[in-house]
């Protein structure tokens, strides 16, 4: 039963990571949409804060603690320290497109991994019914 509890802790953690990646995709898309907006400053998701929260909340193998849900979404960080152009905009289209592609690949990989884990759990449950 402890493994079953860990599985749900795992899926809860992955849910938060996927949520952060989804938020990052939206933020990067917003950066790209504002590439020609004077004074616009790019933003990104602070994945270190997301990872710290997720790993802090994962239960130990011997614990039966309930996972705490984070109170908000992922922390968004705006880069006010740099400027790419004279109009104050700091969006680099090539960088944003590369980050968006990387995030999409990571998101899809993680979704596939979680789906396989859940299929494995379902197979075990189905075989136990026989």
C-alpha atoms as a PDB file:
ATOM      1  CA  UNK A   1       0.000   0.000   0.000  1.00  0.00           C
ATOM      2  CA  UNK A   2       2.941   2.329   0.597  1.00  0.00           C
ATOM      3  CA  UNK A   3       3.913   2.070  -3.071  1.00  0.00           C
ATOM      4  CA  UNK A   4       0.384   3.048  -4.070  1.00  0.00           C
ATOM      5  CA  UNK A   5       0.609   6.148  -1.877  1.00  0.00           C
ATOM      6  CA  UNK A   6       3.963   7.031  -3.375  1.00  0.00           C
ATOM      7  CA  UNK A   7       2.466   6.704  -6.841  1.00  0.00           C
ATOM      8  CA  UNK A   8      -0.132   9.349  -6.040  1.00  0.00           C
ATOM      9  CA  UNK A   9       2.555  11.549  -4.511  1.00  0.00           C
ATOM     10  CA  UNK A  10       4.471  11.141  -7.740  1.00  0.00           C
ATOM     11  CA  UNK A  11       1.491  12.048  -9.930  1.00  0.00           C
ATOM     12  CA  UNK A  12       0.738  15.074  -7.768  1.00  0.00           C
ATOM     13  CA  UNK A  13       4.333  16.247  -8.138  1.00  0.00           C
ATOM     14  CA  UNK A  14       4.269  15.655 -11.886  1.00  0.00           C
ATOM     15  CA  UNK A  15       0.983  17.554 -12.092  1.00  0.00           C
ATOM     16  CA  UNK A  16       2.686  20.586 -10.576  1.00  0.00           C
ATOM     17  CA  UNK A  17       5.690  20.309 -12.892  1.00  0.00           C
ATOM     18  CA  UNK A  18       3.416  19.961 -15.934  1.00  0.00           C
ATOM     19  CA  UNK A  19       1.436  22.989 -14.737  1.00  0.00           C
ATOM     20  CA  UNK A  20       4.640  25.001 -14.480  1.00  0.00           C
ATOM     21  CA  UNK A  21       5.696  23.904 -17.974  1.00  0.00           C
ATOM     22  CA  UNK A  22       2.293  24.832 -19.354  1.00  0.00           C
ATOM     23  CA  UNK A  23       2.567  28.251 -17.704  1.00  0.00           C
ATOM     24  CA  UNK A  24       6.044  28.644 -19.205  1.00  0.00           C
ATOM     25  CA  UNK A  25       4.701  27.887 -22.677  1.00  0.00           C
ATOM     26  CA  UNK A  26       2.081  30.628 -22.236  1.00  0.00           C
ATOM     27  CA  UNK A  27       4.665  33.114 -20.943  1.00  0.00           C
ATOM     28  CA  UNK A  28       7.114  32.386 -23.749  1.00  0.00           C
ATOM     29  CA  UNK A  29       4.297  32.766 -26.283  1.00  0.00           C
ATOM     30  CA  UNK A  30       3.477  36.136 -24.701  1.00  0.00           C
ATOM     31  CA  UNK A  31       7.135  37.150 -24.996  1.00  0.00           C
ATOM     32  CA  UNK A  32       7.101  36.226 -28.696  1.00  0.00           C
ATOM     33  CA  UNK A  33       3.837  38.092 -29.275  1.00  0.00           C
ATOM     34  CA  UNK A  34       5.375  41.225 -27.758  1.00  0.00           C
ATOM     35  CA  UNK A  35       8.683  41.118 -29.633  1.00  0.00           C
ATOM     36  CA  UNK A  36       7.889  44.485 -31.278  1.00  0.00           C
ATOM     37  CA  UNK A  37       6.296  46.173 -28.247  1.00  0.00           C
ATOM     38  CA  UNK A  38       8.471  49.075 -27.086  1.00  0.00           C
ATOM     39  CA  UNK A  39       9.584  48.745 -23.458  1.00  0.00           C
ATOM     40  CA  UNK A  40       8.329  45.151 -23.102  1.00  0.00           C
ATOM     41  CA  UNK A  41      10.420  43.020 -20.745  1.00  0.00           C
ATOM     42  CA  UNK A  42      10.548  39.251 -21.173  1.00  0.00           C
ATOM     43  CA  UNK A  43       9.369  36.912 -18.424  1.00  0.00           C
ATOM     44  CA  UNK A  44       9.994  33.279 -17.578  1.00  0.00           C
ATOM     45  CA  UNK A  45       9.057  30.702 -14.948  1.00  0.00           C
ATOM     46  CA  UNK A  46      11.383  30.151 -11.995  1.00  0.00           C
ATOM     47  CA  UNK A  47      11.789  26.373 -12.288  1.00  0.00           C
ATOM     48  CA  UNK A  48      14.152  26.218  -9.331  1.00  0.00           C
ATOM     49  CA  UNK A  49      11.323  27.383  -7.055  1.00  0.00           C
ATOM     50  CA  UNK A  50       8.938  24.849  -8.642  1.00  0.00           C
ATOM     51  CA  UNK A  51      11.435  21.979  -8.232  1.00  0.00           C
ATOM     52  CA  UNK A  52      12.245  22.979  -4.647  1.00  0.00           C
ATOM     53  CA  UNK A  53       8.541  22.993  -3.761  1.00  0.00           C
ATOM     54  CA  UNK A  54       7.833  19.674  -5.503  1.00  0.00           C
ATOM     55  CA  UNK A  55      10.771  17.824  -3.942  1.00  0.00           C
ATOM     56  CA  UNK A  56      10.099  19.323  -0.520  1.00  0.00           C
ATOM     57  CA  UNK A  57       6.511  18.038  -0.687  1.00  0.00           C
ATOM     58  CA  UNK A  58       7.286  14.494  -1.844  1.00  0.00           C
ATOM     59  CA  UNK A  59       6.598  12.109   1.029  1.00  0.00           C
ATOM     60  CA  UNK A  60       9.309   9.871   2.404  1.00  0.00           C
ATOM     61  CA  UNK A  61       8.818   6.203   1.577  1.00  0.00           C
ATOM     62  CA  UNK A  62       7.923   5.429   5.209  1.00  0.00           C
ATOM     63  CA  UNK A  63       5.533   8.367   5.644  1.00  0.00           C
ATOM     64  CA  UNK A  64       1.836   8.490   4.894  1.00  0.00           C
ATOM     65  CA  UNK A  65       1.705  12.270   4.839  1.00  0.00           C
ATOM     66  CA  UNK A  66      -0.705  14.101   2.587  1.00  0.00           C
ATOM     67  CA  UNK A  67       0.944  16.238  -0.059  1.00  0.00           C
ATOM     68  CA  UNK A  68       0.518  19.942   0.524  1.00  0.00           C
ATOM     69  CA  UNK A  69      -0.687  21.822  -2.511  1.00  0.00           C
ATOM     70  CA  UNK A  70       1.256  24.944  -3.358  1.00  0.00           C
ATOM     71  CA  UNK A  71      -0.807  28.058  -2.745  1.00  0.00           C
ATOM     72  CA  UNK A  72      -0.241  29.621  -6.135  1.00  0.00           C
ATOM     73  CA  UNK A  73       1.028  28.918  -9.566  1.00  0.00           C
ATOM     74  CA  UNK A  74       4.664  28.913 -10.542  1.00  0.00           C
ATOM     75  CA  UNK A  75       6.647  32.065  -9.807  1.00  0.00           C
ATOM     76  CA  UNK A  76       7.054  34.261 -12.871  1.00  0.00           C
ATOM     77  CA  UNK A  77      10.256  36.282 -13.115  1.00  0.00           C
ATOM     78  CA  UNK A  78      10.537  39.365 -15.332  1.00  0.00           C
ATOM     79  CA  UNK A  79      13.970  40.369 -16.635  1.00  0.00           C
ATOM     80  CA  UNK A  80      14.300  44.115 -16.041  1.00  0.00           C
ATOM     81  CA  UNK A  81      18.111  44.049 -16.116  1.00  0.00           C
ATOM     82  CA  UNK A  82      18.713  43.769 -19.851  1.00  0.00           C
ATOM     83  CA  UNK A  83      17.734  45.624 -22.999  1.00  0.00           C
ATOM     84  CA  UNK A  84      18.152  44.251 -26.527  1.00  0.00           C
ATOM     85  CA  UNK A  85      17.083  47.333 -28.481  1.00  0.00           C
ATOM     86  CA  UNK A  86      16.922  51.109 -28.162  1.00  0.00           C
ATOM     87  CA  UNK A  87      13.185  51.000 -27.418  1.00  0.00           C
ATOM     88  CA  UNK A  88      13.815  49.062 -24.170  1.00  0.00           C
ATOM     89  CA  UNK A  89      12.485  45.703 -25.385  1.00  0.00           C
ATOM     90  CA  UNK A  90      14.618  42.719 -24.349  1.00  0.00           C
ATOM     91  CA  UNK A  91      12.945  39.867 -26.276  1.00  0.00           C
ATOM     92  CA  UNK A  92      15.301  37.806 -28.445  1.00  0.00           C
ATOM     93  CA  UNK A  93      13.036  35.945 -30.877  1.00  0.00           C
ATOM     94  CA  UNK A  94      15.502  33.108 -31.552  1.00  0.00           C
ATOM     95  CA  UNK A  95      16.038  32.484 -27.846  1.00  0.00           C
ATOM     96  CA  UNK A  96      12.307  32.522 -27.100  1.00  0.00           C
ATOM     97  CA  UNK A  97      11.578  30.098 -29.952  1.00  0.00           C
ATOM     98  CA  UNK A  98      14.332  27.744 -28.755  1.00  0.00           C
ATOM     99  CA  UNK A  99      13.038  27.869 -25.164  1.00  0.00           C
ATOM    100  CA  UNK A 100       9.482  27.259 -26.369  1.00  0.00           C
ATOM    101  CA  UNK A 101      10.579  24.238 -28.432  1.00  0.00           C
ATOM    102  CA  UNK A 102      12.602  22.863 -25.501  1.00  0.00           C
ATOM    103  CA  UNK A 103       9.689  23.314 -23.098  1.00  0.00           C
ATOM    104  CA  UNK A 104       7.283  21.624 -25.521  1.00  0.00           C
ATOM    105  CA  UNK A 105       9.596  18.626 -25.903  1.00  0.00           C
ATOM    106  CA  UNK A 106      10.064  18.321 -22.137  1.00  0.00           C
ATOM    107  CA  UNK A 107       6.314  18.662 -21.539  1.00  0.00           C
ATOM    108  CA  UNK A 108       5.446  15.977 -24.095  1.00  0.00           C
ATOM    109  CA  UNK A 109       8.136  13.650 -22.711  1.00  0.00           C
ATOM    110  CA  UNK A 110       6.858  14.068 -19.171  1.00  0.00           C
ATOM    111  CA  UNK A 111       3.237  13.504 -20.245  1.00  0.00           C
ATOM    112  CA  UNK A 112       4.252  10.279 -21.982  1.00  0.00           C
ATOM    113  CA  UNK A 113       6.203   9.133 -18.905  1.00  0.00           C
ATOM    114  CA  UNK A 114       3.292   9.821 -16.535  1.00  0.00           C
ATOM    115  CA  UNK A 115       0.877   8.103 -18.945  1.00  0.00           C
ATOM    116  CA  UNK A 116       3.055   4.992 -19.002  1.00  0.00           C
ATOM    117  CA  UNK A 117       3.275   4.922 -15.217  1.00  0.00           C
ATOM    118  CA  UNK A 118      -0.503   5.199 -14.922  1.00  0.00           C
ATOM    119  CA  UNK A 119      -0.982   2.456 -17.543  1.00  0.00           C
ATOM    120  CA  UNK A 120       1.306   0.233 -15.457  1.00  0.00           C
ATOM    121  CA  UNK A 121      -0.782   0.888 -12.349  1.00  0.00           C
ATOM    122  CA  UNK A 122      -3.953   0.157 -14.284  1.00  0.00           C
ATOM    123  CA  UNK A 123      -2.481  -3.111 -15.598  1.00  0.00           C
ATOM    124  CA  UNK A 124      -1.634  -4.190 -12.053  1.00  0.00           C
ATOM    125  CA  UNK A 125      -5.131  -3.331 -10.851  1.00  0.00           C
ATOM    126  CA  UNK A 126      -6.745  -5.159 -13.785  1.00  0.00           C
ATOM    127  CA  UNK A 127      -4.589  -8.264 -13.236  1.00  0.00           C
ATOM    128  CA  UNK A 128      -5.584  -8.298  -9.568  1.00  0.00           C
ATOM    129  CA  UNK A 129      -9.259  -8.555 -10.499  1.00  0.00           C
ATOM    130  CA  UNK A 130      -8.765 -11.900 -12.224  1.00  0.00           C
END
